[in-house]
Protein backbone atom coordinates (compact mmCIF):
# COMPACT_ATOMS: atom_id res chain seq x y z
CA MET A 1 -4.46 -67.47 12.46
CA ALA A 2 -1.37 -65.67 13.73
CA THR A 3 -1.60 -63.29 10.78
CA LEU A 4 -5.26 -62.54 11.52
CA ARG A 5 -4.46 -61.87 15.17
CA GLY A 6 -1.72 -59.49 14.09
CA LEU A 7 -4.13 -57.56 11.88
CA ARG A 8 -6.55 -57.12 14.77
CA GLU A 9 -3.88 -55.72 17.10
CA THR A 10 -3.55 -51.97 17.50
CA PRO A 11 -0.23 -50.70 16.08
CA ARG A 12 2.32 -49.69 18.69
CA HIS A 13 1.95 -46.00 19.48
CA LEU A 14 2.86 -43.43 22.07
CA LEU A 15 0.83 -40.41 23.14
CA VAL A 16 2.29 -38.24 25.87
CA CYS A 17 0.16 -35.42 27.33
CA GLU A 18 1.94 -32.67 29.21
CA LYS A 19 0.53 -29.71 31.12
CA SER A 20 2.42 -26.51 30.48
CA ASN A 21 2.05 -22.74 30.50
CA PHE A 22 3.27 -20.80 27.48
CA GLY A 23 4.29 -17.95 29.75
CA HIS A 24 6.51 -20.16 31.93
CA ASP A 25 10.26 -20.02 31.35
CA LYS A 26 10.52 -23.83 31.43
CA SER A 27 7.60 -24.50 29.10
CA ARG A 28 8.50 -27.23 26.61
CA HIS A 29 6.18 -26.12 23.80
CA ARG A 30 8.98 -24.39 21.87
CA HIS A 31 11.29 -27.41 22.19
CA LEU A 32 8.54 -29.76 20.99
CA VAL A 33 7.91 -27.65 17.89
CA GLU A 34 11.59 -27.03 17.10
CA THR A 35 12.34 -30.78 17.12
CA HIS A 36 9.29 -31.48 14.92
CA TYR A 37 11.33 -30.90 11.78
CA HIS A 38 9.17 -31.76 8.77
CA ASN A 39 5.59 -30.50 9.00
CA TYR A 40 2.98 -30.72 6.28
CA LYS A 41 -0.03 -29.37 8.12
CA VAL A 42 -0.80 -27.00 10.99
CA SER A 43 -4.37 -26.58 12.24
CA PHE A 44 -5.69 -24.45 15.06
CA LEU A 45 -9.12 -23.83 16.54
CA ILE A 46 -10.09 -20.65 18.41
CA PRO A 47 -13.44 -20.87 20.24
CA GLU A 48 -15.60 -17.73 20.46
CA CYS A 49 -13.78 -16.17 17.51
CA GLY A 50 -15.39 -15.45 14.15
CA ILE A 51 -12.61 -13.56 12.33
CA LEU A 52 -8.82 -13.78 12.66
CA SER A 53 -7.03 -10.62 13.75
CA LYS A 54 -4.93 -8.74 11.21
CA GLU A 55 -1.66 -9.80 12.91
CA LEU A 56 -2.65 -13.46 13.06
CA LYS A 57 -3.92 -13.47 9.49
CA ASN A 58 -0.64 -11.97 8.25
CA LEU A 59 1.34 -14.68 10.03
CA VAL A 60 -0.84 -17.40 8.54
CA MET A 61 -0.38 -16.00 5.02
CA GLU A 62 3.41 -15.73 5.46
CA MET A 63 4.20 -19.35 6.36
CA GLY A 64 5.97 -19.97 3.03
CA PRO A 65 7.59 -20.27 0.67
CA TYR A 66 8.93 -23.77 0.19
CA TYR A 67 10.38 -25.40 -2.90
CA PHE A 68 10.09 -28.51 -5.03
CA VAL A 69 13.36 -29.64 -6.63
CA LYS A 70 13.16 -32.44 -9.19
CA ASN A 71 15.85 -35.08 -9.83
CA LEU A 72 18.39 -33.56 -7.46
CA PRO A 73 21.58 -35.68 -7.17
CA LEU A 74 22.21 -36.59 -3.55
CA HIS A 75 25.88 -35.71 -3.76
CA GLU A 76 24.88 -32.03 -4.20
CA LEU A 77 23.94 -31.97 -0.51
CA ILE A 78 27.45 -32.77 0.72
CA THR A 79 29.42 -30.24 -1.34
CA HIS A 80 31.45 -27.55 0.40
CA GLU A 81 29.49 -24.82 -1.39
CA PHE A 82 26.12 -26.19 -0.31
CA ILE A 83 27.14 -26.62 3.32
CA ASN A 84 28.56 -23.09 3.54
CA THR A 85 25.63 -21.49 1.70
CA PHE A 86 22.71 -23.15 3.49
CA VAL A 87 23.61 -25.49 6.35
CA LYS A 88 25.94 -23.09 8.19
CA LYS A 89 23.90 -19.94 7.58
CA GLY A 90 20.40 -21.02 8.57
CA SER A 91 18.01 -23.87 9.21
CA CYS A 92 17.78 -26.15 6.19
CA TYR A 93 14.99 -28.70 5.76
CA ALA A 94 14.63 -31.24 2.96
CA LEU A 95 12.57 -34.39 2.50
CA THR A 96 12.22 -36.72 -0.46
CA TYR A 97 8.88 -36.34 -2.22
CA ASN A 98 6.52 -39.15 -3.22
CA THR A 99 8.52 -41.91 -1.54
CA ASN A 100 7.29 -44.54 0.93
CA ILE A 101 9.64 -45.07 3.85
CA ASP A 102 8.81 -48.77 4.18
CA GLU A 103 9.35 -49.49 0.47
CA ASP A 104 11.58 -46.85 -1.15
CA ASN A 105 14.89 -45.16 -0.52
CA THR A 106 14.17 -42.00 1.47
CA VAL A 107 16.31 -39.03 2.47
CA ALA A 108 15.85 -36.19 4.97
CA LEU A 109 18.00 -33.19 5.86
CA LEU A 110 17.61 -31.81 9.38
CA PRO A 111 18.37 -28.24 10.53
CA ASN A 112 21.26 -29.46 12.69
CA GLY A 113 23.10 -30.53 9.54
CA LYS A 114 22.31 -34.25 9.78
CA LEU A 115 21.63 -35.94 6.44
CA ILE A 116 19.67 -39.14 7.08
CA LEU A 117 19.29 -41.88 4.48
CA SER A 118 16.85 -44.77 4.75
CA LEU A 119 18.04 -47.31 2.18
CA ASP A 120 16.91 -50.74 1.09
CA LYS A 121 19.36 -53.60 1.54
CA ASP A 122 20.67 -53.65 -2.04
CA THR A 123 21.24 -49.88 -2.24
CA TYR A 124 22.86 -49.82 1.18
CA GLU A 125 25.34 -52.52 0.19
CA GLU A 126 26.07 -50.83 -3.15
CA THR A 127 26.89 -47.48 -1.55
CA GLY A 128 29.33 -49.04 0.90
CA LEU A 129 28.40 -46.45 3.54
CA GLN A 130 28.34 -47.25 7.24
CA GLY A 131 24.95 -47.42 8.92
CA HIS A 132 22.72 -49.59 11.07
CA PRO A 133 19.56 -51.66 10.53
CA SER A 134 16.28 -49.82 10.86
CA GLN A 135 14.44 -50.73 14.05
CA TYR A 136 11.32 -51.21 11.92
CA SER A 137 12.88 -53.87 9.72
CA GLY A 138 11.45 -56.83 11.62
CA ARG A 139 13.16 -60.21 11.75
CA LYS A 140 14.43 -59.96 8.18
CA ILE A 141 16.50 -56.80 7.89
CA MET A 142 15.54 -54.99 4.70
CA LYS A 143 16.10 -51.31 5.58
CA PHE A 144 19.22 -49.52 6.80
CA ILE A 145 19.74 -46.03 8.24
CA VAL A 146 22.79 -43.96 7.32
CA SER A 147 23.44 -40.67 9.16
CA ILE A 148 25.92 -38.14 7.72
CA ASP A 149 26.93 -35.13 9.80
CA LEU A 150 27.47 -32.35 7.25
CA MET A 151 28.83 -29.94 9.85
CA ASP A 152 31.47 -32.48 10.87
CA LEU A 153 32.39 -33.17 7.23
CA SER A 154 32.81 -29.47 6.46
CA PHE A 155 35.68 -29.10 8.93
CA ASN A 156 37.96 -31.34 6.89
CA LEU A 157 37.04 -31.76 3.23
CA ASP A 158 40.37 -33.48 2.56
CA SER A 159 39.69 -36.30 5.01
CA LYS A 160 39.36 -39.90 3.88
CA LYS A 161 35.84 -40.00 5.30
CA TYR A 162 34.63 -37.10 3.17
CA LYS A 163 36.31 -38.44 0.03
CA ARG A 164 34.79 -41.89 0.58
CA ILE A 165 31.26 -40.52 1.07
CA SER A 166 31.60 -38.17 -1.91
CA TRP A 167 32.91 -40.95 -4.15
CA SER A 168 30.13 -43.30 -3.01
CA LEU A 169 27.28 -40.86 -3.74
CA LYS A 170 28.79 -39.35 -6.89
CA GLU A 171 30.40 -42.28 -8.67
CA LYS A 172 29.85 -45.64 -6.98
CA LYS A 173 26.08 -45.38 -6.46
CA PRO A 174 24.67 -42.05 -7.75
CA LEU A 175 21.23 -41.39 -6.30
CA LYS A 176 18.66 -38.80 -7.44
CA PHE A 177 15.47 -37.76 -5.68
CA ASP A 178 12.65 -35.25 -5.89
CA PHE A 179 12.87 -33.04 -2.80
CA LEU A 180 10.62 -30.76 -0.81
CA TRP A 181 12.86 -27.98 0.38
CA ALA A 182 12.67 -25.14 2.90
CA TRP A 183 15.29 -22.78 4.31
CA HIS A 184 14.86 -20.39 7.21
CA GLN A 185 17.32 -17.52 7.55
CA THR A 186 16.29 -14.10 8.82
CA GLY A 187 17.24 -11.24 6.53
CA THR A 188 18.28 -13.42 3.59
CA GLU A 189 16.89 -13.23 0.07
CA GLU A 190 14.52 -16.14 -0.51
CA SER A 191 15.61 -16.14 -4.16
CA ALA A 192 18.95 -17.61 -3.00
CA VAL A 193 17.43 -21.10 -3.11
CA MET A 194 16.02 -20.58 -6.61
CA SER A 195 19.32 -19.29 -7.96
CA TYR A 196 21.43 -21.99 -6.30
CA PHE A 197 19.38 -24.83 -7.82
CA SER A 198 18.71 -23.02 -11.10
CA LYS A 199 20.34 -25.78 -13.17
CA TYR A 200 17.73 -28.22 -11.88
CA GLN A 201 13.95 -28.14 -12.18
CA ILE A 202 12.82 -26.08 -9.19
CA GLN A 203 9.44 -24.59 -8.35
CA GLU A 204 8.52 -22.17 -5.61
CA GLN A 205 5.37 -23.13 -3.70
CA GLN A 206 3.16 -21.38 -1.17
CA PRO A 207 1.25 -23.21 1.59
CA ARG A 208 -2.51 -23.60 1.12
CA VAL A 209 -4.59 -21.81 3.74
CA SER A 210 -8.14 -22.71 4.68
CA VAL A 211 -10.11 -20.58 7.14
CA SER A 212 -13.70 -21.26 8.21
CA THR A 213 -16.11 -20.21 10.95
CA LEU A 214 -17.97 -23.00 12.74
CA ARG A 215 -21.37 -22.19 14.28
CA ASP A 216 -22.88 -23.77 17.40
CA LEU A 217 -19.90 -26.06 17.86
CA GLN A 218 -20.12 -28.71 20.54
CA CYS A 219 -16.79 -28.69 22.43
CA PRO A 220 -15.57 -31.08 25.14
CA VAL A 221 -14.81 -29.76 28.61
CA LEU A 222 -11.18 -30.14 29.70
CA TRP A 223 -9.72 -29.07 33.04
CA SER A 224 -5.98 -28.34 32.91
CA GLY A 225 -5.62 -29.58 36.48
CA GLU A 226 -6.84 -33.08 35.58
CA LEU A 227 -5.60 -34.28 32.20
CA ARG A 228 -6.90 -37.80 32.83
CA GLY A 229 -10.45 -36.49 33.07
CA GLU A 230 -13.15 -36.87 35.69
CA PRO A 231 -16.48 -38.68 35.12
CA GLU A 232 -19.28 -36.19 34.38
CA GLU A 233 -16.88 -33.26 35.01
CA SER A 234 -14.25 -33.23 32.26
CA CYS A 235 -12.88 -35.33 29.42
CA SER A 236 -9.31 -36.62 29.22
CA ALA A 237 -6.50 -35.09 27.15
CA PRO A 238 -6.38 -38.08 24.74
CA GLU A 239 -10.14 -37.71 24.15
CA LEU A 240 -9.64 -34.03 23.35
CA PHE A 241 -6.78 -34.96 21.02
CA ASP A 242 -8.99 -37.43 19.12
CA TRP A 243 -11.82 -34.89 18.91
CA LEU A 244 -9.55 -32.15 17.55
CA GLY A 245 -8.04 -34.55 15.02
CA ALA A 246 -11.48 -35.57 13.78
CA LEU A 247 -12.60 -31.94 13.64
CA PHE A 248 -9.53 -30.88 11.64
CA CYS A 249 -10.08 -33.76 9.21
CA GLY A 250 -13.67 -32.71 8.58
CA VAL A 251 -15.20 -35.81 10.18
CA ASP A 252 -18.93 -35.70 10.90
CA LEU A 253 -19.19 -35.76 14.71
CA ASN A 254 -22.98 -35.94 15.00
CA ASN A 255 -22.97 -39.75 15.31
CA GLU A 256 -26.44 -40.06 13.85
CA PRO A 257 -28.04 -43.56 13.72
CA ASN A 258 -28.08 -43.61 9.90
CA ASN A 259 -24.40 -42.59 9.60
CA PHE A 260 -22.42 -45.70 8.65
CA ILE A 261 -19.21 -43.79 7.82
CA SER A 262 -18.30 -42.38 11.22
CA THR A 263 -19.27 -43.17 14.80
CA CYS A 264 -17.14 -40.32 16.16
CA CYS A 265 -18.82 -37.88 18.51
CA CYS A 266 -17.86 -35.11 20.90
CA PRO A 267 -16.52 -36.42 24.26
CA GLN A 268 -18.68 -35.78 27.29
CA PRO A 269 -19.22 -33.59 29.18
CA SER A 270 -19.37 -30.88 26.54
CA THR A 271 -20.50 -27.32 25.99
CA VAL A 272 -21.72 -25.43 22.91
CA VAL A 273 -19.87 -22.35 21.66
CA ALA A 274 -21.70 -19.92 19.38
CA LYS A 275 -18.79 -19.68 16.94
CA ALA A 276 -15.23 -20.89 16.49
CA ASN A 277 -12.52 -20.14 13.95
CA LEU A 278 -10.86 -23.13 12.29
CA CYS A 279 -7.68 -22.53 10.28
CA THR A 280 -5.57 -25.11 8.44
CA ILE A 281 -2.23 -24.48 6.73
CA THR A 282 -0.94 -27.19 4.39
CA GLY A 283 2.50 -27.29 2.80
CA PHE A 284 6.10 -27.80 3.91
CA ILE A 285 6.25 -25.66 7.04
CA VAL A 286 9.37 -24.89 9.07
CA PRO A 287 9.24 -25.06 12.90
CA GLU A 288 10.50 -21.48 13.32
CA LYS A 289 7.37 -20.05 11.73
CA ILE A 290 5.13 -22.37 13.73
CA CYS A 291 6.75 -21.10 16.94
CA VAL A 292 5.98 -17.51 15.93
CA LEU A 293 2.39 -18.53 15.18
CA LEU A 294 2.01 -20.20 18.59
CA GLU A 295 3.38 -17.14 20.37
CA GLN A 296 0.91 -14.91 18.55
CA LEU A 297 -1.97 -17.25 19.43
CA TRP A 298 -0.90 -17.08 23.06
CA LEU A 299 -0.65 -13.28 23.03
CA GLU A 300 -4.09 -12.86 21.50
CA CYS A 301 -6.07 -15.66 23.09
CA GLY A 302 -4.06 -17.35 25.81
CA ASN A 303 -5.65 -15.52 28.73
CA GLU A 304 -9.21 -15.72 27.43
CA VAL A 305 -9.94 -18.98 25.67
CA ARG A 306 -8.51 -22.41 25.09
CA ASN A 307 -6.83 -23.02 21.73
CA GLY A 308 -6.19 -26.34 20.10
CA VAL A 309 -3.17 -26.72 17.85
CA ILE A 310 -2.14 -29.88 16.06
CA ILE A 311 1.07 -30.14 14.04
CA LEU A 312 1.37 -33.12 11.73
CA ALA A 313 4.63 -34.47 10.39
CA GLY A 314 4.96 -35.71 6.84
CA LYS A 315 4.12 -39.36 6.28
CA ASN A 316 7.77 -40.33 5.67
CA VAL A 317 9.73 -38.37 8.22
CA LEU A 318 13.23 -39.47 9.17
CA LEU A 319 14.48 -38.50 12.62
CA PRO A 320 17.95 -38.73 14.17
CA SER A 321 19.04 -42.02 15.66
CA THR A 322 18.79 -40.53 19.16
CA CYS A 323 15.02 -40.28 18.72
CA PRO A 324 13.08 -43.54 19.33
CA TYR A 325 10.98 -43.03 16.19
CA GLU A 326 12.08 -43.18 12.58
CA LYS A 327 8.69 -42.76 10.97
CA ILE A 328 6.07 -40.35 12.19
CA LYS A 329 5.87 -38.06 15.18
CA GLN A 330 2.95 -35.84 16.15
CA SER A 331 2.93 -32.98 18.62
CA PHE A 332 -0.18 -31.84 20.43
CA VAL A 333 0.00 -28.45 22.09
CA THR A 334 -2.81 -26.72 23.98
CA ALA A 335 -2.65 -23.26 25.45
CA SER A 336 -4.62 -23.07 28.64
């Protein structure tokens, strides 16, 4: 019975809604995006817009590239050459591909130079590295988190700490993973990544872009002064969040009596817009380019209409130990 009760319970979650102005110096939208390291999808909706502007369309089409590196030894990420070439000269993002964080060993590289390993109990003990139990392990600890500061290691490559980590990952317990990879550095040849990993199987990828025009779209009414909503006057911010998420996922929101797949519908009160532009970018997208996209959306539409933007993290995202989440984080930003 206890197991059945547990299955009925809603998983622990946290949704924080903040009111902000993109034009304000203390607006937190840039900080939220910049700390949302690994993004696989960005969607935005522009009401009363049928066609994207030339500037916005160019930004959307220039969100890549990113790379897929197959069977990359983990010790390659702690070498002096790698740290000097990528970590110190730009923002480097990497995430293991096709791994499940609750079952498999998973690795992430953050732009601040932190290399985070989520290891099962056996692998953790075999590496001999120092770490701490994952807060999602439950009563029986089965997963451990190891955080390696590459910037700190690079200052003294002759230290005992660096030699121990290098020996552990190269000889004691060699680990190989398939990685999604992205590097942001203004004015640098993108071919640098391809040439550096040329001895491994590496493929350059471009994000997929989907643009569509929605007609006679029923949209909820939201007042920025009252995010909790008012009966018969405006919906709440969480309701708008759910509606946008369903819209971006292609969910049928008509809630017809014979529809047994979805009971989702537009929150009330609502209004109908003649047309709206829906754009979705899917890939491995760096925060820097998302910030540029948000700024362009604000410049073009911020003073006229309300835009909805949802940024989704990858399903197995590792965050630094200072962040209360080790799995998935979602940011919801609205320009109003």
